[in-house]
Amino acid sequence: MANERTYLAWVRTGISIIALGFVVSKFGIIIRELVPNSPQTSSHLSTIVGVFLVVAGGFMQLLALRSFVRNRRSIEKGDFSAPRWLEISAGAVTFAVAIILVVYLLISV
């Protein structure tokens, strides 16, 4: 059961990152509509950052599924040992997303 809860937590995290990417990519369109004289680069940059976030969220979904299947097989065999690479890579991706959003916010302000 803990394996399934962990998997569902990763799925929720991936969905949140995908949703954040969608919002960021649409943010440029909203800014362009509200402020007619806004620079075009802000809209273009928000699309790039948004697409990156959606891809990162999708990649996180694939990593979570792979980890879930591997852990389930190990548990069924009775030789489970928890790998740490998923947590390390997810932490690195989350940190990269945070840095990209900070850079985007600094550029677009």
PDB file of N, CA and C in Angstrom:
ATOM      1  N   MET A   1       0.814  -1.188   0.000  1.00  0.00           N
ATOM      2  CA  MET A   1       0.000   0.000   0.000  1.00  0.00           C
ATOM      3  C   MET A   1       0.866   1.263   0.000  1.00  0.00           C
ATOM      4  N   ALA A   2       1.995   1.215   0.665  1.00  0.00           N
ATOM      5  CA  ALA A   2       2.868   2.391   0.700  1.00  0.00           C
ATOM      6  C   ALA A   2       3.401   2.705  -0.690  1.00  0.00           C
ATOM      7  N   ASN A   3       3.654   1.663  -1.489  1.00  0.00           N
ATOM      8  CA  ASN A   3       4.121   1.873  -2.857  1.00  0.00           C
ATOM      9  C   ASN A   3       3.060   2.614  -3.669  1.00  0.00           C
ATOM     10  N   GLU A   4       1.802   2.249  -3.507  1.00  0.00           N
ATOM     11  CA  GLU A   4       0.729   2.916  -4.240  1.00  0.00           C
ATOM     12  C   GLU A   4       0.540   4.354  -3.764  1.00  0.00           C
ATOM     13  N   ARG A   5       0.641   4.600  -2.464  1.00  0.00           N
ATOM     14  CA  ARG A   5       0.522   5.970  -1.961  1.00  0.00           C
ATOM     15  C   ARG A   5       1.650   6.847  -2.480  1.00  0.00           C
ATOM     16  N   THR A   6       2.838   6.292  -2.514  1.00  0.00           N
ATOM     17  CA  THR A   6       3.976   7.041  -3.030  1.00  0.00           C
ATOM     18  C   THR A   6       3.782   7.358  -4.515  1.00  0.00           C
ATOM     19  N   TYR A   7       3.319   6.368  -5.254  1.00  0.00           N
ATOM     20  CA  TYR A   7       3.069   6.577  -6.678  1.00  0.00           C
ATOM     21  C   TYR A   7       2.019   7.669  -6.891  1.00  0.00           C
ATOM     22  N   LEU A   8       0.948   7.624  -6.135  1.00  0.00           N
ATOM     23  CA  LEU A   8      -0.095   8.638  -6.278  1.00  0.00           C
ATOM     24  C   LEU A   8       0.396  10.026  -5.893  1.00  0.00           C
ATOM     25  N   ALA A   9       1.287  10.104  -4.910  1.00  0.00           N
ATOM     26  CA  ALA A   9       1.873  11.403  -4.557  1.00  0.00           C
ATOM     27  C   ALA A   9       2.703  11.943  -5.717  1.00  0.00           C
ATOM     28  N   TRP A  10       3.465  11.083  -6.391  1.00  0.00           N
ATOM     29  CA  TRP A  10       4.247  11.514  -7.552  1.00  0.00           C
ATOM     30  C   TRP A  10       3.328  11.939  -8.692  1.00  0.00           C
ATOM     31  N   VAL A  11       2.217  11.217  -8.865  1.00  0.00           N
ATOM     32  CA  VAL A  11       1.261  11.581  -9.924  1.00  0.00           C
ATOM     33  C   VAL A  11       0.675  12.963  -9.643  1.00  0.00           C
ATOM     34  N   ARG A  12       0.297  13.224  -8.403  1.00  0.00           N
ATOM     35  CA  ARG A  12      -0.248  14.548  -8.055  1.00  0.00           C
ATOM     36  C   ARG A  12       0.790  15.641  -8.292  1.00  0.00           C
ATOM     37  N   THR A  13       2.029  15.368  -7.950  1.00  0.00           N
ATOM     38  CA  THR A  13       3.091  16.351  -8.167  1.00  0.00           C
ATOM     39  C   THR A  13       3.284  16.621  -9.653  1.00  0.00           C
ATOM     40  N   GLY A  14       3.308  15.565 -10.455  1.00  0.00           N
ATOM     41  CA  GLY A  14       3.453  15.732 -11.902  1.00  0.00           C
ATOM     42  C   GLY A  14       2.299  16.499 -12.512  1.00  0.00           C
ATOM     43  N   ILE A  15       1.083  16.202 -12.068  1.00  0.00           N
ATOM     44  CA  ILE A  15      -0.088  16.921 -12.571  1.00  0.00           C
ATOM     45  C   ILE A  15      -0.015  18.396 -12.180  1.00  0.00           C
ATOM     46  N   SER A  16       0.453  18.675 -10.979  1.00  0.00           N
ATOM     47  CA  SER A  16       0.588  20.070 -10.538  1.00  0.00           C
ATOM     48  C   SER A  16       1.592  20.824 -11.398  1.00  0.00           C
ATOM     49  N   ILE A  17       2.708  20.186 -11.725  1.00  0.00           N
ATOM     50  CA  ILE A  17       3.720  20.841 -12.561  1.00  0.00           C
ATOM     51  C   ILE A  17       3.184  21.054 -13.978  1.00  0.00           C
ATOM     52  N   ILE A  18       2.438  20.076 -14.493  1.00  0.00           N
ATOM     53  CA  ILE A  18       1.830  20.236 -15.813  1.00  0.00           C
ATOM     54  C   ILE A  18       0.840  21.395 -15.806  1.00  0.00           C
ATOM     55  N   ALA A  19       0.004  21.471 -14.770  1.00  0.00           N
ATOM     56  CA  ALA A  19      -0.973  22.562 -14.665  1.00  0.00           C
ATOM     57  C   ALA A  19      -0.269  23.909 -14.544  1.00  0.00           C
ATOM     58  N   LEU A  20       0.810  23.958 -13.776  1.00  0.00           N
ATOM     59  CA  LEU A  20       1.573  25.192 -13.646  1.00  0.00           C
ATOM     60  C   LEU A  20       2.139  25.610 -15.003  1.00  0.00           C
ATOM     61  N   GLY A  21       2.630  24.652 -15.765  1.00  0.00           N
ATOM     62  CA  GLY A  21       3.137  24.957 -17.099  1.00  0.00           C
ATOM     63  C   GLY A  21       2.066  25.509 -18.013  1.00  0.00           C
ATOM     64  N   PHE A  22       0.875  24.949 -17.925  1.00  0.00           N
ATOM     65  CA  PHE A  22      -0.232  25.452 -18.732  1.00  0.00           C
ATOM     66  C   PHE A  22      -0.562  26.887 -18.353  1.00  0.00           C
ATOM     67  N   VAL A  23      -0.622  27.161 -17.054  1.00  0.00           N
ATOM     68  CA  VAL A  23      -0.939  28.514 -16.588  1.00  0.00           C
ATOM     69  C   VAL A  23       0.136  29.504 -17.018  1.00  0.00           C
ATOM     70  N   VAL A  24       1.400  29.123 -16.888  1.00  0.00           N
ATOM     71  CA  VAL A  24       2.494  30.018 -17.277  1.00  0.00           C
ATOM     72  C   VAL A  24       2.453  30.294 -18.779  1.00  0.00           C
ATOM     73  N   SER A  25       2.181  29.265 -19.576  1.00  0.00           N
ATOM     74  CA  SER A  25       2.155  29.483 -21.025  1.00  0.00           C
ATOM     75  C   SER A  25       0.990  30.383 -21.433  1.00  0.00           C
ATOM     76  N   LYS A  26      -0.123  30.298 -20.742  1.00  0.00           N
ATOM     77  CA  LYS A  26      -1.264  31.154 -21.049  1.00  0.00           C
ATOM     78  C   LYS A  26      -1.130  32.539 -20.429  1.00  0.00           C
ATOM     79  N   PHE A  27      -0.230  32.690 -19.477  1.00  0.00           N
ATOM     80  CA  PHE A  27      -0.031  33.974 -18.819  1.00  0.00           C
ATOM     81  C   PHE A  27       0.405  35.045 -19.808  1.00  0.00           C
ATOM     82  N   GLY A  28       1.245  34.679 -20.756  1.00  0.00           N
ATOM     83  CA  GLY A  28       1.700  35.633 -21.764  1.00  0.00           C
ATOM     84  C   GLY A  28       0.556  36.139 -22.624  1.00  0.00           C
ATOM     85  N   ILE A  29      -0.393  35.269 -22.930  1.00  0.00           N
ATOM     86  CA  ILE A  29      -1.553  35.685 -23.721  1.00  0.00           C
ATOM     87  C   ILE A  29      -2.409  36.661 -22.928  1.00  0.00           C
ATOM     88  N   ILE A  30      -2.589  36.399 -21.655  1.00  0.00           N
ATOM     89  CA  ILE A  30      -3.381  37.288 -20.805  1.00  0.00           C
ATOM     90  C   ILE A  30      -2.719  38.660 -20.710  1.00  0.00           C
ATOM     91  N   ILE A  31      -1.405  38.668 -20.500  1.00  0.00           N
ATOM     92  CA  ILE A  31      -0.677  39.934 -20.419  1.00  0.00           C
ATOM     93  C   ILE A  31      -0.806  40.704 -21.730  1.00  0.00           C
ATOM     94  N   ARG A  32      -0.680  40.006 -22.841  1.00  0.00           N
ATOM     95  CA  ARG A  32      -0.765  40.659 -24.145  1.00  0.00           C
ATOM     96  C   ARG A  32      -2.153  41.270 -24.370  1.00  0.00           C
ATOM     97  N   GLU A  33      -3.195  40.603 -23.887  1.00  0.00           N
ATOM     98  CA  GLU A  33      -4.558  41.116 -24.043  1.00  0.00           C
ATOM     99  C   GLU A  33      -4.837  42.290 -23.103  1.00  0.00           C
ATOM    100  N   LEU A  34      -4.307  42.220 -21.877  1.00  0.00           N
ATOM    101  CA  LEU A  34      -4.562  43.278 -20.904  1.00  0.00           C
ATOM    102  C   LEU A  34      -3.724  44.526 -21.151  1.00  0.00           C
ATOM    103  N   VAL A  35      -2.488  44.314 -21.600  1.00  0.00           N
ATOM    104  CA  VAL A  35      -1.578  45.428 -21.847  1.00  0.00           C
ATOM    105  C   VAL A  35      -1.196  45.401 -23.329  1.00  0.00           C
ATOM    106  N   PRO A  36      -1.858  46.180 -24.145  1.00  0.00           N
ATOM    107  CA  PRO A  36      -1.609  46.117 -25.591  1.00  0.00           C
ATOM    108  C   PRO A  36      -0.181  46.480 -25.991  1.00  0.00           C
ATOM    109  N   ASN A  37       0.517  47.287 -25.207  1.00  0.00           N
ATOM    110  CA  ASN A  37       1.870  47.714 -25.564  1.00  0.00           C
ATOM    111  C   ASN A  37       2.949  46.858 -24.921  1.00  0.00           C
ATOM    112  N   SER A  38       2.593  45.688 -24.402  1.00  0.00           N
ATOM    113  CA  SER A  38       3.592  44.833 -23.757  1.00  0.00           C
ATOM    114  C   SER A  38       4.523  44.243 -24.814  1.00  0.00           C
ATOM    115  N   PRO A  39       5.779  43.991 -24.442  1.00  0.00           N
ATOM    116  CA  PRO A  39       6.721  43.433 -25.420  1.00  0.00           C
ATOM    117  C   PRO A  39       6.328  42.013 -25.817  1.00  0.00           C
ATOM    118  N   GLN A  40       6.555  41.670 -27.058  1.00  0.00           N
ATOM    119  CA  GLN A  40       6.202  40.351 -27.579  1.00  0.00           C
ATOM    120  C   GLN A  40       7.079  39.254 -26.966  1.00  0.00           C
ATOM    121  N   THR A  41       8.264  39.595 -26.511  1.00  0.00           N
ATOM    122  CA  THR A  41       9.168  38.584 -25.964  1.00  0.00           C
ATOM    123  C   THR A  41       8.617  37.975 -24.694  1.00  0.00           C
ATOM    124  N   SER A  42       7.853  38.724 -23.910  1.00  0.00           N
ATOM    125  CA  SER A  42       7.278  38.189 -22.685  1.00  0.00           C
ATOM    126  C   SER A  42       6.322  37.047 -22.993  1.00  0.00           C
ATOM    127  N   SER A  43       5.500  37.224 -24.011  1.00  0.00           N
ATOM    128  CA  SER A  43       4.561  36.181 -24.413  1.00  0.00           C
ATOM    129  C   SER A  43       5.306  34.956 -24.931  1.00  0.00           C
ATOM    130  N   HIS A  44       6.322  35.182 -25.729  1.00  0.00           N
ATOM    131  CA  HIS A  44       7.107  34.080 -26.283  1.00  0.00           C
ATOM    132  C   HIS A  44       7.849  33.329 -25.179  1.00  0.00           C
ATOM    133  N   LEU A  45       8.420  34.068 -24.244  1.00  0.00           N
ATOM    134  CA  LEU A  45       9.155  33.445 -23.146  1.00  0.00           C
ATOM    135  C   LEU A  45       8.232  32.645 -22.243  1.00  0.00           C
ATOM    136  N   SER A  46       7.039  33.142 -21.982  1.00  0.00           N
ATOM    137  CA  SER A  46       6.114  32.400 -21.137  1.00  0.00           C
ATOM    138  C   SER A  46       5.683  31.102 -21.812  1.00  0.00           C
ATOM    139  N   THR A  47       5.569  31.102 -23.124  1.00  0.00           N
ATOM    140  CA  THR A  47       5.238  29.866 -23.836  1.00  0.00           C
ATOM    141  C   THR A  47       6.358  28.850 -23.705  1.00  0.00           C
ATOM    142  N   ILE A  48       7.592  29.289 -23.853  1.00  0.00           N
ATOM    143  CA  ILE A  48       8.736  28.379 -23.735  1.00  0.00           C
ATOM    144  C   ILE A  48       8.817  27.792 -22.327  1.00  0.00           C
ATOM    145  N   VAL A  49       8.696  28.646 -21.316  1.00  0.00           N
ATOM    146  CA  VAL A  49       8.761  28.174 -19.929  1.00  0.00           C
ATOM    147  C   VAL A  49       7.595  27.234 -19.640  1.00  0.00           C
ATOM    148  N   GLY A  50       6.405  27.579 -20.125  1.00  0.00           N
ATOM    149  CA  GLY A  50       5.239  26.728 -19.912  1.00  0.00           C
ATOM    150  C   GLY A  50       5.387  25.358 -20.543  1.00  0.00           C
ATOM    151  N   VAL A  51       5.886  25.320 -21.767  1.00  0.00           N
ATOM    152  CA  VAL A  51       6.103  24.033 -22.435  1.00  0.00           C
ATOM    153  C   VAL A  51       7.148  23.213 -21.683  1.00  0.00           C
ATOM    154  N   PHE A  52       8.212  23.866 -21.207  1.00  0.00           N
ATOM    155  CA  PHE A  52       9.222  23.153 -20.428  1.00  0.00           C
ATOM    156  C   PHE A  52       8.610  22.537 -19.169  1.00  0.00           C
ATOM    157  N   LEU A  53       7.747  23.272 -18.498  1.00  0.00           N
ATOM    158  CA  LEU A  53       7.115  22.752 -17.290  1.00  0.00           C
ATOM    159  C   LEU A  53       6.195  21.572 -17.595  1.00  0.00           C
ATOM    160  N   VAL A  54       5.460  21.648 -18.690  1.00  0.00           N
ATOM    161  CA  VAL A  54       4.593  20.534 -19.065  1.00  0.00           C
ATOM    162  C   VAL A  54       5.430  19.289 -19.367  1.00  0.00           C
ATOM    163  N   VAL A  55       6.530  19.468 -20.078  1.00  0.00           N
ATOM    164  CA  VAL A  55       7.414  18.339 -20.384  1.00  0.00           C
ATOM    165  C   VAL A  55       8.032  17.777 -19.095  1.00  0.00           C
ATOM    166  N   ALA A  56       8.442  18.652 -18.188  1.00  0.00           N
ATOM    167  CA  ALA A  56       9.014  18.195 -16.915  1.00  0.00           C
ATOM    168  C   ALA A  56       7.982  17.415 -16.107  1.00  0.00           C
ATOM    169  N   GLY A  57       6.737  17.879 -16.091  1.00  0.00           N
ATOM    170  CA  GLY A  57       5.679  17.162 -15.385  1.00  0.00           C
ATOM    171  C   GLY A  57       5.399  15.806 -16.012  1.00  0.00           C
ATOM    172  N   GLY A  58       5.379  15.745 -17.331  1.00  0.00           N
ATOM    173  CA  GLY A  58       5.195  14.469 -18.017  1.00  0.00           C
ATOM    174  C   GLY A  58       6.342  13.512 -17.756  1.00  0.00           C
ATOM    175  N   PHE A  59       7.562  14.032 -17.759  1.00  0.00           N
ATOM    176  CA  PHE A  59       8.732  13.212 -17.456  1.00  0.00           C
ATOM    177  C   PHE A  59       8.653  12.672 -16.033  1.00  0.00           C
ATOM    178  N   MET A  60       8.172  13.497 -15.107  1.00  0.00           N
ATOM    179  CA  MET A  60       8.017  13.047 -13.733  1.00  0.00           C
ATOM    180  C   MET A  60       6.986  11.923 -13.647  1.00  0.00           C
ATOM    181  N   GLN A  61       5.937  11.988 -14.460  1.00  0.00           N
ATOM    182  CA  GLN A  61       4.937  10.924 -14.489  1.00  0.00           C
ATOM    183  C   GLN A  61       5.562   9.602 -14.950  1.00  0.00           C
ATOM    184  N   LEU A  62       6.397   9.685 -15.978  1.00  0.00           N
ATOM    185  CA  LEU A  62       7.053   8.464 -16.469  1.00  0.00           C
ATOM    186  C   LEU A  62       8.008   7.879 -15.433  1.00  0.00           C
ATOM    187  N   LEU A  63       8.769   8.730 -14.766  1.00  0.00           N
ATOM    188  CA  LEU A  63       9.669   8.248 -13.717  1.00  0.00           C
ATOM    189  C   LEU A  63       8.898   7.597 -12.579  1.00  0.00           C
ATOM    190  N   ALA A  64       7.775   8.181 -12.205  1.00  0.00           N
ATOM    191  CA  ALA A  64       6.961   7.627 -11.121  1.00  0.00           C
ATOM    192  C   ALA A  64       6.402   6.263 -11.512  1.00  0.00           C
ATOM    193  N   LEU A  65       5.918   6.143 -12.743  1.00  0.00           N
ATOM    194  CA  LEU A  65       5.379   4.869 -13.194  1.00  0.00           C
ATOM    195  C   LEU A  65       6.462   3.797 -13.232  1.00  0.00           C
ATOM    196  N   ARG A  66       7.616   4.157 -13.727  1.00  0.00           N
ATOM    197  CA  ARG A  66       8.732   3.201 -13.784  1.00  0.00           C
ATOM    198  C   ARG A  66       9.128   2.750 -12.387  1.00  0.00           C
ATOM    199  N   SER A  67       9.206   3.687 -11.466  1.00  0.00           N
ATOM    200  CA  SER A  67       9.558   3.349 -10.087  1.00  0.00           C
ATOM    201  C   SER A  67       8.493   2.465  -9.446  1.00  0.00           C
ATOM    202  N   PHE A  68       7.230   2.783  -9.680  1.00  0.00           N
ATOM    203  CA  PHE A  68       6.142   1.990  -9.115  1.00  0.00           C
ATOM    204  C   PHE A  68       6.203   0.542  -9.597  1.00  0.00           C
ATOM    205  N   VAL A  69       6.369   0.360 -10.907  1.00  0.00           N
ATOM    206  CA  VAL A  69       6.407  -0.993 -11.468  1.00  0.00           C
ATOM    207  C   VAL A  69       7.623  -1.750 -10.941  1.00  0.00           C
ATOM    208  N   ARG A  70       8.768  -1.108 -10.895  1.00  0.00           N
ATOM    209  CA  ARG A  70       9.976  -1.755 -10.390  1.00  0.00           C
ATOM    210  C   ARG A  70       9.828  -2.138  -8.912  1.00  0.00           C
ATOM    211  N   ASN A  71       9.296  -1.226  -8.113  1.00  0.00           N
ATOM    212  CA  ASN A  71       9.109  -1.522  -6.688  1.00  0.00           C
ATOM    213  C   ASN A  71       8.096  -2.634  -6.484  1.00  0.00           C
ATOM    214  N   ARG A  72       7.044  -2.663  -7.287  1.00  0.00           N
ATOM    215  CA  ARG A  72       6.032  -3.713  -7.153  1.00  0.00           C
ATOM    216  C   ARG A  72       6.630  -5.082  -7.460  1.00  0.00           C
ATOM    217  N   ARG A  73       7.428  -5.148  -8.507  1.00  0.00           N
ATOM    218  CA  ARG A  73       8.086  -6.427  -8.837  1.00  0.00           C
ATOM    219  C   ARG A  73       9.029  -6.864  -7.720  1.00  0.00           C
ATOM    220  N   SER A  74       9.774  -5.916  -7.175  1.00  0.00           N
ATOM    221  CA  SER A  74      10.705  -6.241  -6.089  1.00  0.00           C
ATOM    222  C   SER A  74       9.963  -6.704  -4.840  1.00  0.00           C
ATOM    223  N   ILE A  75       8.851  -6.059  -4.537  1.00  0.00           N
ATOM    224  CA  ILE A  75       8.063  -6.445  -3.361  1.00  0.00           C
ATOM    225  C   ILE A  75       7.491  -7.845  -3.556  1.00  0.00           C
ATOM    226  N   GLU A  76       7.000  -8.138  -4.753  1.00  0.00           N
ATOM    227  CA  GLU A  76       6.445  -9.473  -5.016  1.00  0.00           C
ATOM    228  C   GLU A  76       7.504 -10.561  -4.934  1.00  0.00           C
ATOM    229  N   LYS A  77       8.740 -10.256  -5.330  1.00  0.00           N
ATOM    230  CA  LYS A  77       9.842 -11.215  -5.238  1.00  0.00           C
ATOM    231  C   LYS A  77      10.373 -11.335  -3.814  1.00  0.00           C
ATOM    232  N   GLY A  78      10.135 -10.305  -3.014  1.00  0.00           N
ATOM    233  CA  GLY A  78      10.607 -10.332  -1.634  1.00  0.00           C
ATOM    234  C   GLY A  78      12.012  -9.786  -1.454  1.00  0.00           C
ATOM    235  N   ASP A  79      12.543  -9.108  -2.434  1.00  0.00           N
ATOM    236  CA  ASP A  79      13.897  -8.557  -2.317  1.00  0.00           C
ATOM    237  C   ASP A  79      13.896  -7.048  -2.588  1.00  0.00           C
ATOM    238  N   PHE A  80      13.057  -6.331  -1.869  1.00  0.00           N
ATOM    239  CA  PHE A  80      12.914  -4.892  -2.091  1.00  0.00           C
ATOM    240  C   PHE A  80      14.052  -4.124  -1.434  1.00  0.00           C
ATOM    241  N   SER A  81      14.640  -3.233  -2.197  1.00  0.00           N
ATOM    242  CA  SER A  81      15.578  -2.244  -1.654  1.00  0.00           C
ATOM    243  C   SER A  81      15.248  -0.922  -2.342  1.00  0.00           C
ATOM    244  N   ALA A  82      15.045   0.100  -1.551  1.00  0.00           N
ATOM    245  CA  ALA A  82      14.574   1.382  -2.079  1.00  0.00           C
ATOM    246  C   ALA A  82      15.688   2.112  -2.819  1.00  0.00           C
ATOM    247  N   PRO A  83      15.494   2.391  -4.120  1.00  0.00           N
ATOM    248  CA  PRO A  83      16.477   3.198  -4.842  1.00  0.00           C
ATOM    249  C   PRO A  83      16.301   4.673  -4.496  1.00  0.00           C
ATOM    250  N   ARG A  84      17.382   5.421  -4.573  1.00  0.00           N
ATOM    251  CA  ARG A  84      17.329   6.841  -4.233  1.00  0.00           C
ATOM    252  C   ARG A  84      17.376   7.755  -5.450  1.00  0.00           C
ATOM    253  N   TRP A  85      17.613   7.224  -6.625  1.00  0.00           N
ATOM    254  CA  TRP A  85      17.796   8.059  -7.805  1.00  0.00           C
ATOM    255  C   TRP A  85      16.526   8.816  -8.171  1.00  0.00           C
ATOM    256  N   LEU A  86      15.338   8.240  -7.915  1.00  0.00           N
ATOM    257  CA  LEU A  86      14.100   8.940  -8.262  1.00  0.00           C
ATOM    258  C   LEU A  86      13.938  10.196  -7.417  1.00  0.00           C
ATOM    259  N   GLU A  87      14.194  10.091  -6.145  1.00  0.00           N
ATOM    260  CA  GLU A  87      14.073  11.249  -5.263  1.00  0.00           C
ATOM    261  C   GLU A  87      15.088  12.319  -5.617  1.00  0.00           C
ATOM    262  N   ILE A  88      16.299  11.890  -5.924  1.00  0.00           N
ATOM    263  CA  ILE A  88      17.347  12.849  -6.289  1.00  0.00           C
ATOM    264  C   ILE A  88      17.002  13.541  -7.601  1.00  0.00           C
ATOM    265  N   SER A  89      16.560  12.771  -8.604  1.00  0.00           N
ATOM    266  CA  SER A  89      16.226  13.387  -9.892  1.00  0.00           C
ATOM    267  C   SER A  89      14.992  14.271  -9.775  1.00  0.00           C
ATOM    268  N   ALA A  90      14.003  13.868  -9.000  1.00  0.00           N
ATOM    269  CA  ALA A  90      12.809  14.707  -8.826  1.00  0.00           C
ATOM    270  C   ALA A  90      13.161  15.999  -8.094  1.00  0.00           C
ATOM    271  N   GLY A  91      14.031  15.915  -7.106  1.00  0.00           N
ATOM    272  CA  GLY A  91      14.477  17.123  -6.415  1.00  0.00           C
ATOM    273  C   GLY A  91      15.235  18.049  -7.349  1.00  0.00           C
ATOM    274  N   ALA A  92      16.063  17.477  -8.207  1.00  0.00           N
ATOM    275  CA  ALA A  92      16.812  18.292  -9.169  1.00  0.00           C
ATOM    276  C   ALA A  92      15.882  18.946 -10.184  1.00  0.00           C
ATOM    277  N   VAL A  93      14.881  18.197 -10.661  1.00  0.00           N
ATOM    278  CA  VAL A  93      13.929  18.768 -11.617  1.00  0.00           C
ATOM    279  C   VAL A  93      13.116  19.883 -10.959  1.00  0.00           C
ATOM    280  N   THR A  94      12.693  19.655  -9.728  1.00  0.00           N
ATOM    281  CA  THR A  94      11.924  20.681  -9.014  1.00  0.00           C
ATOM    282  C   THR A  94      12.764  21.932  -8.790  1.00  0.00           C
ATOM    283  N   PHE A  95      14.021  21.753  -8.438  1.00  0.00           N
ATOM    284  CA  PHE A  95      14.910  22.894  -8.255  1.00  0.00           C
ATOM    285  C   PHE A  95      15.125  23.635  -9.574  1.00  0.00           C
ATOM    286  N   ALA A  96      15.294  22.895 -10.664  1.00  0.00           N
ATOM    287  CA  ALA A  96      15.461  23.524 -11.983  1.00  0.00           C
ATOM    288  C   ALA A  96      14.215  24.312 -12.374  1.00  0.00           C
ATOM    289  N   VAL A  97      13.041  23.754 -12.083  1.00  0.00           N
ATOM    290  CA  VAL A  97      11.792  24.461 -12.365  1.00  0.00           C
ATOM    291  C   VAL A  97      11.733  25.762 -11.572  1.00  0.00           C
ATOM    292  N   ALA A  98      12.124  25.713 -10.312  1.00  0.00           N
ATOM    293  CA  ALA A  98      12.115  26.920  -9.477  1.00  0.00           C
ATOM    294  C   ALA A  98      13.060  27.976 -10.034  1.00  0.00           C
ATOM    295  N   ILE A  99      14.247  27.578 -10.442  1.00  0.00           N
ATOM    296  CA  ILE A  99      15.218  28.529 -11.005  1.00  0.00           C
ATOM    297  C   ILE A  99      14.686  29.134 -12.300  1.00  0.00           C
ATOM    298  N   ILE A 100      14.107  28.305 -13.155  1.00  0.00           N
ATOM    299  CA  ILE A 100      13.563  28.803 -14.423  1.00  0.00           C
ATOM    300  C   ILE A 100      12.436  29.795 -14.175  1.00  0.00           C
ATOM    301  N   LEU A 101      11.575  29.503 -13.213  1.00  0.00           N
ATOM    302  CA  LEU A 101      10.478  30.431 -12.903  1.00  0.00           C
ATOM    303  C   LEU A 101      11.000  31.734 -12.320  1.00  0.00           C
ATOM    304  N   VAL A 102      12.036  31.663 -11.494  1.00  0.00           N
ATOM    305  CA  VAL A 102      12.618  32.893 -10.947  1.00  0.00           C
ATOM    306  C   VAL A 102      13.213  33.736 -12.067  1.00  0.00           C
ATOM    307  N   VAL A 103      13.955  33.111 -12.966  1.00  0.00           N
ATOM    308  CA  VAL A 103      14.546  33.838 -14.096  1.00  0.00           C
ATOM    309  C   VAL A 103      13.444  34.438 -14.964  1.00  0.00           C
ATOM    310  N   TYR A 104      12.405  33.665 -15.224  1.00  0.00           N
ATOM    311  CA  TYR A 104      11.284  34.162 -16.035  1.00  0.00           C
ATOM    312  C   TYR A 104      10.626  35.376 -15.349  1.00  0.00           C
ATOM    313  N   LEU A 105      10.404  35.299 -14.068  1.00  0.00           N
ATOM    314  CA  LEU A 105       9.769  36.406 -13.368  1.00  0.00           C
ATOM    315  C   LEU A 105      10.651  37.650 -13.376  1.00  0.00           C
ATOM    316  N   LEU A 106      11.949  37.454 -13.227  1.00  0.00           N
ATOM    317  CA  LEU A 106      12.866  38.605 -13.263  1.00  0.00           C
ATOM    318  C   LEU A 106      12.918  39.245 -14.647  1.00  0.00           C
ATOM    319  N   ILE A 107      12.854  38.443 -15.678  1.00  0.00           N
ATOM    320  CA  ILE A 107      12.906  38.964 -17.046  1.00  0.00           C
ATOM    321  C   ILE A 107      11.598  39.651 -17.407  1.00  0.00           C
ATOM    322  N   SER A 108      10.472  39.097 -16.982  1.00  0.00           N
ATOM    323  CA  SER A 108       9.178  39.617 -17.428  1.00  0.00           C
ATOM    324  C   SER A 108       8.695  40.811 -16.606  1.00  0.00           C
ATOM    325  N   VAL A 109       9.351  41.102 -15.495  1.00  0.00           N
ATOM    326  CA  VAL A 109       8.909  42.241 -14.659  1.00  0.00           C
ATOM    327  C   VAL A 109       9.504  43.530 -15.152  1.00  0.00           C
TER     328      VAL A 109
END
